[in-house]
Amino acid sequence: QVVVSPIPGEFVEVGMGLCFGWFGGTVLCMLGSALAAWAIMLFVKKLGIRAVELFVPLEKINELKFINNEKKLSTFVFLLYMIPGTPKDPLIFFFGLTKIKISNFIVISTLARIPSIVTSTIGGEFLVNKNYLGAILLFAITGAVSVIGLLLYKKILEKLKSRTEKHKTKITKG
């Protein structure tokens, strides 16, 4: 789910809940997410900006320059991965450009993903057990929380971008 980031991870997570139940699905999703994040971070740390540019234009990279604030980096990782609806998987490439240690990133981002993964795998288990009402309610609540999370993410991003505009320094090829 992480490597093919245009596909929302929730689909994979629901499928894992269908196949392995909520607990087994959660464990497998978390393990898969952690391993993929580790591989992407290693790739980006080794190749730098060139690796990220293969997937993301330089202009977009510069929009997220605020993530280089070392003092708040771990907090940013946790919040962005905890807020439902944020585009978590593509952010791994950006965080790979920062000074965060791969091991710290994996621990923080994996722990922050737990609520999202658990709700998705529970939804999958509800479906396999034909608890359609439970699944509909769970997905509706999760969808509403995700929309709110996405709006919050956009608001935070705009605020951070405006702060960064004041101290404009851009990443360049080199």
N, C-alpha and C. Protein backbone atom coordinates (compact mmCIF):
# COMPACT_ATOMS: atom_id res chain seq x y z
N GLN A 1 0.82 -1.19 0.00
CA GLN A 1 0.00 0.00 0.00
C GLN A 1 0.86 1.26 0.00
N VAL A 2 2.04 1.22 0.59
CA VAL A 2 2.90 2.39 0.70
C VAL A 2 3.65 2.63 -0.60
N VAL A 3 4.15 1.58 -1.22
CA VAL A 3 4.95 1.74 -2.43
C VAL A 3 4.11 2.27 -3.58
N VAL A 4 2.88 1.83 -3.71
CA VAL A 4 1.98 2.31 -4.76
C VAL A 4 1.06 3.33 -4.10
N SER A 5 1.63 4.49 -3.76
CA SER A 5 0.91 5.46 -2.94
C SER A 5 -0.32 6.10 -3.57
N PRO A 6 -0.48 6.14 -4.90
CA PRO A 6 -1.74 6.70 -5.42
C PRO A 6 -2.97 5.87 -5.04
N ILE A 7 -2.77 4.60 -4.72
CA ILE A 7 -3.89 3.76 -4.28
C ILE A 7 -4.07 3.98 -2.79
N PRO A 8 -5.24 4.47 -2.35
CA PRO A 8 -5.43 4.70 -0.90
C PRO A 8 -5.22 3.42 -0.10
N GLY A 9 -4.43 3.54 0.95
CA GLY A 9 -4.10 2.39 1.78
C GLY A 9 -5.29 1.75 2.44
N GLU A 10 -6.36 2.52 2.62
CA GLU A 10 -7.54 1.98 3.29
C GLU A 10 -8.13 0.77 2.54
N PHE A 11 -8.03 0.78 1.22
CA PHE A 11 -8.54 -0.36 0.45
C PHE A 11 -7.76 -1.63 0.78
N VAL A 12 -6.45 -1.50 0.86
CA VAL A 12 -5.61 -2.64 1.21
C VAL A 12 -5.92 -3.08 2.65
N GLU A 13 -6.07 -2.10 3.54
CA GLU A 13 -6.33 -2.41 4.95
C GLU A 13 -7.67 -3.13 5.13
N VAL A 14 -8.71 -2.68 4.43
CA VAL A 14 -10.01 -3.36 4.50
C VAL A 14 -9.86 -4.78 3.98
N GLY A 15 -9.14 -4.94 2.89
CA GLY A 15 -8.89 -6.27 2.33
C GLY A 15 -8.15 -7.17 3.30
N MET A 16 -7.20 -6.60 4.02
CA MET A 16 -6.46 -7.39 5.01
C MET A 16 -7.39 -7.80 6.16
N GLY A 17 -8.30 -6.91 6.52
CA GLY A 17 -9.29 -7.25 7.55
C GLY A 17 -10.22 -8.36 7.09
N LEU A 18 -10.59 -8.31 5.79
CA LEU A 18 -11.42 -9.37 5.21
C LEU A 18 -10.71 -10.72 5.27
N CYS A 19 -9.44 -10.71 4.90
CA CYS A 19 -8.69 -11.96 4.79
C CYS A 19 -8.15 -12.50 6.11
N PHE A 20 -7.71 -11.60 6.99
CA PHE A 20 -6.99 -12.04 8.18
C PHE A 20 -7.61 -11.58 9.50
N GLY A 21 -8.79 -10.96 9.43
CA GLY A 21 -9.39 -10.43 10.65
C GLY A 21 -8.74 -9.12 11.04
N TRP A 22 -9.34 -8.44 12.01
CA TRP A 22 -8.82 -7.12 12.34
C TRP A 22 -7.42 -7.18 12.94
N PHE A 23 -7.16 -8.15 13.81
CA PHE A 23 -5.85 -8.19 14.46
C PHE A 23 -4.75 -8.61 13.48
N GLY A 24 -4.97 -9.73 12.79
CA GLY A 24 -3.97 -10.19 11.82
C GLY A 24 -3.76 -9.19 10.70
N GLY A 25 -4.86 -8.59 10.24
CA GLY A 25 -4.77 -7.58 9.19
C GLY A 25 -4.00 -6.36 9.64
N THR A 26 -4.24 -5.95 10.88
CA THR A 26 -3.54 -4.79 11.43
C THR A 26 -2.04 -5.06 11.52
N VAL A 27 -1.68 -6.21 12.06
CA VAL A 27 -0.26 -6.56 12.20
C VAL A 27 0.42 -6.59 10.83
N LEU A 28 -0.21 -7.24 9.86
CA LEU A 28 0.38 -7.32 8.52
C LEU A 28 0.49 -5.96 7.85
N CYS A 29 -0.55 -5.13 7.99
CA CYS A 29 -0.50 -3.78 7.40
C CYS A 29 0.60 -2.93 8.04
N MET A 30 0.70 -3.01 9.35
CA MET A 30 1.74 -2.22 10.03
C MET A 30 3.13 -2.70 9.65
N LEU A 31 3.30 -4.00 9.57
CA LEU A 31 4.60 -4.55 9.17
C LEU A 31 4.93 -4.14 7.73
N GLY A 32 3.95 -4.27 6.85
CA GLY A 32 4.17 -3.89 5.45
C GLY A 32 4.47 -2.41 5.30
N SER A 33 3.73 -1.57 6.03
CA SER A 33 3.96 -0.13 5.98
C SER A 33 5.34 0.23 6.49
N ALA A 34 5.75 -0.40 7.58
CA ALA A 34 7.06 -0.11 8.16
C ALA A 34 8.19 -0.54 7.21
N LEU A 35 8.07 -1.73 6.63
CA LEU A 35 9.11 -2.21 5.71
C LEU A 35 9.19 -1.34 4.45
N ALA A 36 8.05 -0.98 3.91
CA ALA A 36 8.05 -0.13 2.70
C ALA A 36 8.60 1.25 3.02
N ALA A 37 8.21 1.81 4.16
CA ALA A 37 8.72 3.13 4.55
C ALA A 37 10.23 3.07 4.74
N TRP A 38 10.71 2.00 5.36
CA TRP A 38 12.15 1.83 5.54
C TRP A 38 12.87 1.81 4.18
N ALA A 39 12.33 1.05 3.24
CA ALA A 39 12.96 0.95 1.91
C ALA A 39 12.95 2.31 1.20
N ILE A 40 11.83 3.03 1.26
CA ILE A 40 11.74 4.34 0.61
C ILE A 40 12.69 5.33 1.27
N MET A 41 12.71 5.35 2.60
CA MET A 41 13.60 6.27 3.31
C MET A 41 15.06 5.98 2.96
N LEU A 42 15.43 4.72 2.94
CA LEU A 42 16.80 4.34 2.60
C LEU A 42 17.14 4.80 1.18
N PHE A 43 16.22 4.56 0.26
CA PHE A 43 16.38 4.99 -1.15
C PHE A 43 16.60 6.50 -1.23
N VAL A 44 15.76 7.26 -0.54
CA VAL A 44 15.86 8.72 -0.59
C VAL A 44 17.11 9.21 0.13
N LYS A 45 17.45 8.63 1.27
CA LYS A 45 18.64 9.05 2.00
C LYS A 45 19.90 8.80 1.17
N LYS A 46 19.91 7.72 0.40
CA LYS A 46 21.09 7.39 -0.43
C LYS A 46 21.19 8.31 -1.66
N LEU A 47 20.05 8.53 -2.34
CA LEU A 47 20.08 9.28 -3.60
C LEU A 47 19.71 10.75 -3.46
N GLY A 48 19.11 11.14 -2.35
CA GLY A 48 18.79 12.54 -2.11
C GLY A 48 17.68 13.06 -3.00
N ILE A 49 17.79 14.33 -3.32
CA ILE A 49 16.75 15.05 -4.06
C ILE A 49 16.46 14.40 -5.41
N ARG A 50 17.47 13.80 -6.02
CA ARG A 50 17.26 13.16 -7.34
C ARG A 50 16.23 12.04 -7.24
N ALA A 51 16.25 11.29 -6.14
CA ALA A 51 15.29 10.20 -5.95
C ALA A 51 13.87 10.73 -5.84
N VAL A 52 13.71 11.82 -5.11
CA VAL A 52 12.37 12.37 -4.89
C VAL A 52 11.85 13.00 -6.17
N GLU A 53 12.72 13.65 -6.91
CA GLU A 53 12.32 14.30 -8.17
C GLU A 53 11.78 13.31 -9.20
N LEU A 54 12.12 12.05 -9.06
CA LEU A 54 11.56 11.04 -9.97
C LEU A 54 10.05 10.94 -9.81
N PHE A 55 9.55 11.27 -8.61
CA PHE A 55 8.14 11.11 -8.29
C PHE A 55 7.41 12.42 -8.04
N VAL A 56 8.16 13.45 -7.65
CA VAL A 56 7.55 14.72 -7.24
C VAL A 56 8.32 15.88 -7.84
N PRO A 57 7.62 16.87 -8.45
CA PRO A 57 8.33 18.03 -9.00
C PRO A 57 9.03 18.85 -7.90
N LEU A 58 10.14 19.48 -8.26
CA LEU A 58 10.93 20.28 -7.32
C LEU A 58 10.09 21.37 -6.65
N GLU A 59 9.12 21.93 -7.37
CA GLU A 59 8.27 22.99 -6.80
C GLU A 59 7.48 22.45 -5.60
N LYS A 60 6.97 21.23 -5.72
CA LYS A 60 6.22 20.63 -4.62
C LYS A 60 7.13 20.36 -3.42
N ILE A 61 8.35 19.96 -3.71
CA ILE A 61 9.32 19.70 -2.64
C ILE A 61 9.56 20.99 -1.86
N ASN A 62 9.73 22.10 -2.58
CA ASN A 62 9.97 23.38 -1.93
C ASN A 62 8.76 23.86 -1.13
N GLU A 63 7.57 23.45 -1.52
CA GLU A 63 6.37 23.81 -0.76
C GLU A 63 6.39 23.21 0.64
N LEU A 64 7.07 22.09 0.80
CA LEU A 64 7.13 21.41 2.09
C LEU A 64 8.46 21.65 2.81
N LYS A 65 9.11 22.74 2.49
CA LYS A 65 10.40 23.08 3.09
C LYS A 65 10.32 23.14 4.61
N PHE A 66 9.15 23.48 5.16
CA PHE A 66 8.99 23.61 6.61
C PHE A 66 9.34 22.34 7.37
N ILE A 67 9.31 21.18 6.69
CA ILE A 67 9.59 19.94 7.42
C ILE A 67 11.06 19.81 7.79
N ASN A 68 11.89 20.74 7.35
CA ASN A 68 13.29 20.68 7.73
C ASN A 68 13.55 21.31 9.10
N ASN A 69 12.52 21.76 9.77
CA ASN A 69 12.66 22.30 11.13
C ASN A 69 12.97 21.13 12.06
N GLU A 70 14.25 20.95 12.37
CA GLU A 70 14.68 19.78 13.15
C GLU A 70 14.04 19.69 14.52
N LYS A 71 13.79 20.84 15.14
CA LYS A 71 13.22 20.84 16.49
C LYS A 71 11.82 20.25 16.52
N LYS A 72 11.08 20.42 15.45
CA LYS A 72 9.68 19.98 15.42
C LYS A 72 9.44 18.80 14.48
N LEU A 73 10.49 18.25 13.95
CA LEU A 73 10.36 17.21 12.92
C LEU A 73 9.60 15.97 13.41
N SER A 74 9.94 15.45 14.56
CA SER A 74 9.25 14.26 15.08
C SER A 74 7.77 14.55 15.33
N THR A 75 7.47 15.74 15.82
CA THR A 75 6.08 16.14 16.06
C THR A 75 5.33 16.22 14.74
N PHE A 76 5.95 16.80 13.71
CA PHE A 76 5.33 16.87 12.39
C PHE A 76 5.02 15.48 11.87
N VAL A 77 5.97 14.59 11.98
CA VAL A 77 5.76 13.21 11.51
C VAL A 77 4.56 12.61 12.22
N PHE A 78 4.55 12.69 13.53
CA PHE A 78 3.46 12.08 14.29
C PHE A 78 2.12 12.68 13.91
N LEU A 79 2.02 13.99 13.90
CA LEU A 79 0.74 14.65 13.59
C LEU A 79 0.26 14.36 12.18
N LEU A 80 1.16 14.45 11.21
CA LEU A 80 0.74 14.22 9.83
C LEU A 80 0.33 12.77 9.58
N TYR A 81 0.92 11.84 10.31
CA TYR A 81 0.55 10.44 10.14
C TYR A 81 -0.66 10.06 10.99
N MET A 82 -0.92 10.82 12.04
CA MET A 82 -2.06 10.54 12.91
C MET A 82 -3.36 11.13 12.34
N ILE A 83 -3.26 12.29 11.69
CA ILE A 83 -4.45 12.96 11.16
C ILE A 83 -5.01 12.13 10.02
N PRO A 84 -6.27 11.69 10.15
CA PRO A 84 -6.87 10.90 9.06
C PRO A 84 -7.04 11.77 7.81
N GLY A 85 -6.86 11.16 6.67
CA GLY A 85 -7.07 11.87 5.41
C GLY A 85 -5.82 12.51 4.83
N THR A 86 -4.73 12.53 5.58
CA THR A 86 -3.50 13.12 5.03
C THR A 86 -2.84 12.14 4.08
N PRO A 87 -2.18 12.66 3.06
CA PRO A 87 -1.50 11.77 2.10
C PRO A 87 -0.19 11.24 2.68
N LYS A 88 -0.30 10.25 3.54
CA LYS A 88 0.84 9.77 4.32
C LYS A 88 1.97 9.19 3.48
N ASP A 89 1.62 8.34 2.55
CA ASP A 89 2.66 7.60 1.83
C ASP A 89 3.58 8.47 0.99
N PRO A 90 3.06 9.44 0.23
CA PRO A 90 4.00 10.30 -0.52
C PRO A 90 4.88 11.15 0.40
N LEU A 91 4.42 11.42 1.62
CA LEU A 91 5.22 12.22 2.55
C LEU A 91 6.52 11.54 2.95
N ILE A 92 6.57 10.23 2.83
CA ILE A 92 7.79 9.50 3.19
C ILE A 92 8.96 10.02 2.37
N PHE A 93 8.72 10.32 1.09
CA PHE A 93 9.79 10.84 0.23
C PHE A 93 10.31 12.17 0.78
N PHE A 94 9.40 13.03 1.21
CA PHE A 94 9.81 14.32 1.74
C PHE A 94 10.59 14.17 3.03
N PHE A 95 10.10 13.32 3.92
CA PHE A 95 10.80 13.14 5.19
C PHE A 95 12.16 12.48 4.98
N GLY A 96 12.32 11.75 3.89
CA GLY A 96 13.62 11.18 3.57
C GLY A 96 14.67 12.23 3.27
N LEU A 97 14.22 13.42 2.90
CA LEU A 97 15.15 14.53 2.61
C LEU A 97 15.58 15.27 3.87
N THR A 98 14.94 14.97 4.98
CA THR A 98 15.26 15.66 6.23
C THR A 98 16.34 14.92 6.99
N LYS A 99 16.68 15.43 8.16
CA LYS A 99 17.72 14.82 8.98
C LYS A 99 17.18 13.80 9.97
N ILE A 100 15.90 13.45 9.86
CA ILE A 100 15.33 12.47 10.78
C ILE A 100 15.97 11.10 10.53
N LYS A 101 16.26 10.40 11.61
CA LYS A 101 16.83 9.05 11.48
C LYS A 101 15.74 8.12 10.96
N ILE A 102 16.12 7.19 10.13
CA ILE A 102 15.15 6.25 9.56
C ILE A 102 14.43 5.49 10.68
N SER A 103 15.16 5.03 11.67
CA SER A 103 14.54 4.26 12.75
C SER A 103 13.51 5.10 13.51
N ASN A 104 13.83 6.36 13.78
CA ASN A 104 12.86 7.24 14.46
C ASN A 104 11.62 7.45 13.61
N PHE A 105 11.82 7.67 12.32
CA PHE A 105 10.69 7.87 11.42
C PHE A 105 9.78 6.64 11.41
N ILE A 106 10.38 5.47 11.31
CA ILE A 106 9.60 4.22 11.24
C ILE A 106 8.76 4.05 12.51
N VAL A 107 9.38 4.23 13.66
CA VAL A 107 8.66 4.05 14.93
C VAL A 107 7.52 5.06 15.04
N ILE A 108 7.82 6.34 14.82
CA ILE A 108 6.82 7.39 15.00
C ILE A 108 5.67 7.24 14.00
N SER A 109 6.00 7.06 12.73
CA SER A 109 4.94 6.98 11.71
C SER A 109 4.12 5.71 11.85
N THR A 110 4.74 4.61 12.24
CA THR A 110 4.01 3.35 12.42
C THR A 110 3.04 3.45 13.59
N LEU A 111 3.49 4.00 14.71
CA LEU A 111 2.59 4.17 15.86
C LEU A 111 1.43 5.10 15.52
N ALA A 112 1.72 6.17 14.79
CA ALA A 112 0.67 7.13 14.44
C ALA A 112 -0.37 6.54 13.48
N ARG A 113 0.01 5.54 12.71
CA ARG A 113 -0.92 4.91 11.77
C ARG A 113 -1.91 3.94 12.43
N ILE A 114 -1.65 3.53 13.64
CA ILE A 114 -2.44 2.48 14.29
C ILE A 114 -3.95 2.75 14.24
N PRO A 115 -4.44 3.91 14.67
CA PRO A 115 -5.90 4.10 14.66
C PRO A 115 -6.53 3.92 13.28
N SER A 116 -5.90 4.45 12.26
CA SER A 116 -6.43 4.34 10.90
C SER A 116 -6.45 2.90 10.41
N ILE A 117 -5.35 2.20 10.64
CA ILE A 117 -5.26 0.81 10.20
C ILE A 117 -6.27 -0.07 10.95
N VAL A 118 -6.37 0.13 12.25
CA VAL A 118 -7.29 -0.69 13.05
C VAL A 118 -8.73 -0.49 12.59
N THR A 119 -9.14 0.76 12.37
CA THR A 119 -10.54 0.97 11.95
C THR A 119 -10.80 0.35 10.57
N SER A 120 -9.84 0.44 9.67
CA SER A 120 -10.03 -0.15 8.34
C SER A 120 -10.11 -1.68 8.40
N THR A 121 -9.24 -2.29 9.19
CA THR A 121 -9.26 -3.75 9.27
C THR A 121 -10.50 -4.25 10.01
N ILE A 122 -10.96 -3.48 11.00
CA ILE A 122 -12.22 -3.84 11.68
C ILE A 122 -13.37 -3.79 10.67
N GLY A 123 -13.36 -2.77 9.82
CA GLY A 123 -14.39 -2.67 8.77
C GLY A 123 -14.37 -3.88 7.85
N GLY A 124 -13.17 -4.33 7.49
CA GLY A 124 -13.05 -5.53 6.67
C GLY A 124 -13.60 -6.76 7.37
N GLU A 125 -13.31 -6.88 8.66
CA GLU A 125 -13.83 -8.02 9.42
C GLU A 125 -15.35 -7.93 9.54
N PHE A 126 -15.89 -6.72 9.72
CA PHE A 126 -17.35 -6.55 9.75
C PHE A 126 -17.97 -7.06 8.45
N LEU A 127 -17.34 -6.74 7.33
CA LEU A 127 -17.89 -7.16 6.03
C LEU A 127 -17.88 -8.67 5.88
N VAL A 128 -16.78 -9.31 6.26
CA VAL A 128 -16.70 -10.76 6.11
C VAL A 128 -17.69 -11.46 7.03
N ASN A 129 -18.01 -10.83 8.15
CA ASN A 129 -18.99 -11.40 9.09
C ASN A 129 -20.42 -10.95 8.79
N LYS A 130 -20.58 -10.29 7.66
CA LYS A 130 -21.89 -9.81 7.19
C LYS A 130 -22.54 -8.81 8.17
N ASN A 131 -21.72 -8.10 8.89
CA ASN A 131 -22.20 -7.03 9.77
C ASN A 131 -22.17 -5.74 8.94
N TYR A 132 -23.08 -5.65 7.97
CA TYR A 132 -23.07 -4.55 7.02
C TYR A 132 -23.40 -3.21 7.68
N LEU A 133 -24.32 -3.22 8.62
CA LEU A 133 -24.67 -1.98 9.31
C LEU A 133 -23.45 -1.46 10.09
N GLY A 134 -22.78 -2.35 10.79
CA GLY A 134 -21.56 -1.95 11.52
C GLY A 134 -20.51 -1.39 10.58
N ALA A 135 -20.33 -2.06 9.42
CA ALA A 135 -19.34 -1.60 8.45
C ALA A 135 -19.72 -0.23 7.89
N ILE A 136 -20.99 -0.05 7.55
CA ILE A 136 -21.45 1.23 7.01
C ILE A 136 -21.23 2.34 8.03
N LEU A 137 -21.62 2.10 9.26
CA LEU A 137 -21.43 3.11 10.32
C LEU A 137 -19.95 3.42 10.53
N LEU A 138 -19.14 2.39 10.61
CA LEU A 138 -17.71 2.58 10.82
C LEU A 138 -17.09 3.38 9.67
N PHE A 139 -17.42 2.99 8.42
CA PHE A 139 -16.86 3.70 7.27
C PHE A 139 -17.38 5.12 7.17
N ALA A 140 -18.65 5.34 7.54
CA ALA A 140 -19.21 6.70 7.51
C ALA A 140 -18.52 7.60 8.53
N ILE A 141 -18.34 7.07 9.73
CA ILE A 141 -17.65 7.85 10.78
C ILE A 141 -16.20 8.10 10.38
N THR A 142 -15.54 7.06 9.88
CA THR A 142 -14.15 7.20 9.45
C THR A 142 -14.03 8.20 8.30
N GLY A 143 -14.98 8.14 7.36
CA GLY A 143 -14.97 9.08 6.24
C GLY A 143 -15.14 10.52 6.70
N ALA A 144 -16.06 10.72 7.65
CA ALA A 144 -16.29 12.08 8.18
C ALA A 144 -15.04 12.59 8.90
N VAL A 145 -14.45 11.73 9.71
CA VAL A 145 -13.23 12.12 10.43
C VAL A 145 -12.09 12.39 9.43
N SER A 146 -12.03 11.62 8.36
CA SER A 146 -11.00 11.82 7.34
C SER A 146 -11.18 13.15 6.61
N VAL A 147 -12.41 13.50 6.30
CA VAL A 147 -12.66 14.79 5.64
C VAL A 147 -12.23 15.93 6.56
N ILE A 148 -12.60 15.83 7.82
CA ILE A 148 -12.18 16.85 8.80
C ILE A 148 -10.65 16.88 8.90
N GLY A 149 -10.04 15.71 8.95
CA GLY A 149 -8.58 15.61 9.01
C GLY A 149 -7.91 16.21 7.80
N LEU A 150 -8.47 15.97 6.62
CA LEU A 150 -7.90 16.53 5.40
C LEU A 150 -8.00 18.05 5.39
N LEU A 151 -9.13 18.57 5.84
CA LEU A 151 -9.29 20.03 5.93
C LEU A 151 -8.31 20.61 6.95
N LEU A 152 -8.14 19.93 8.07
CA LEU A 152 -7.18 20.36 9.07
C LEU A 152 -5.76 20.32 8.52
N TYR A 153 -5.43 19.26 7.81
CA TYR A 153 -4.12 19.12 7.17
C TYR A 153 -3.85 20.28 6.22
N LYS A 154 -4.84 20.60 5.38
CA LYS A 154 -4.67 21.70 4.43
C LYS A 154 -4.47 23.03 5.16
N LYS A 155 -5.20 23.24 6.23
CA LYS A 155 -5.09 24.48 7.00
C LYS A 155 -3.70 24.58 7.64
N ILE A 156 -3.24 23.48 8.23
CA ILE A 156 -1.90 23.46 8.84
C ILE A 156 -0.84 23.70 7.78
N LEU A 157 -0.98 23.03 6.63
CA LEU A 157 -0.02 23.18 5.55
C LEU A 157 0.05 24.62 5.07
N GLU A 158 -1.10 25.26 4.90
CA GLU A 158 -1.13 26.66 4.46
C GLU A 158 -0.44 27.57 5.48
N LYS A 159 -0.70 27.33 6.75
CA LYS A 159 -0.09 28.14 7.81
C LYS A 159 1.43 27.97 7.81
N LEU A 160 1.88 26.73 7.68
CA LEU A 160 3.31 26.47 7.67
C LEU A 160 3.98 27.02 6.41
N LYS A 161 3.29 26.95 5.28
CA LYS A 161 3.83 27.50 4.04
C LYS A 161 3.99 29.01 4.15
N SER A 162 3.00 29.68 4.75
CA SER A 162 3.08 31.14 4.87
C SER A 162 4.24 31.54 5.78
N ARG A 163 4.49 30.75 6.84
CA ARG A 163 5.65 31.02 7.70
C ARG A 163 6.95 30.83 6.93
N THR A 164 6.99 29.79 6.11
CA THR A 164 8.19 29.49 5.35
C THR A 164 8.45 30.55 4.29
N GLU A 165 7.39 31.11 3.72
CA GLU A 165 7.53 32.16 2.71
C GLU A 165 8.38 33.32 3.24
N LYS A 166 8.24 33.59 4.52
CA LYS A 166 9.00 34.68 5.13
C LYS A 166 10.50 34.40 5.15
N HIS A 167 10.85 33.14 5.24
CA HIS A 167 12.26 32.72 5.29
C HIS A 167 12.59 31.90 4.04
N LYS A 168 12.27 32.42 2.89
CA LYS A 168 12.32 31.67 1.64
C LYS A 168 13.75 31.21 1.28
N THR A 169 13.94 29.92 1.38
CA THR A 169 15.14 29.28 0.86
C THR A 169 14.66 28.05 0.13
N LYS A 170 15.19 27.83 -1.02
CA LYS A 170 14.72 26.71 -1.83
C LYS A 170 15.77 25.62 -1.95
N ILE A 171 15.27 24.42 -2.10
CA ILE A 171 16.15 23.28 -2.38
C ILE A 171 16.46 23.34 -3.87
N THR A 172 17.71 23.15 -4.20
CA THR A 172 18.08 23.15 -5.62
C THR A 172 18.81 21.86 -5.93
N LYS A 173 18.89 21.57 -7.21
CA LYS A 173 19.65 20.39 -7.63
C LYS A 173 21.12 20.66 -7.38
N GLY A 174 21.82 19.60 -7.06
CA GLY A 174 23.23 19.86 -6.84
C GLY A 174 24.05 18.68 -6.67
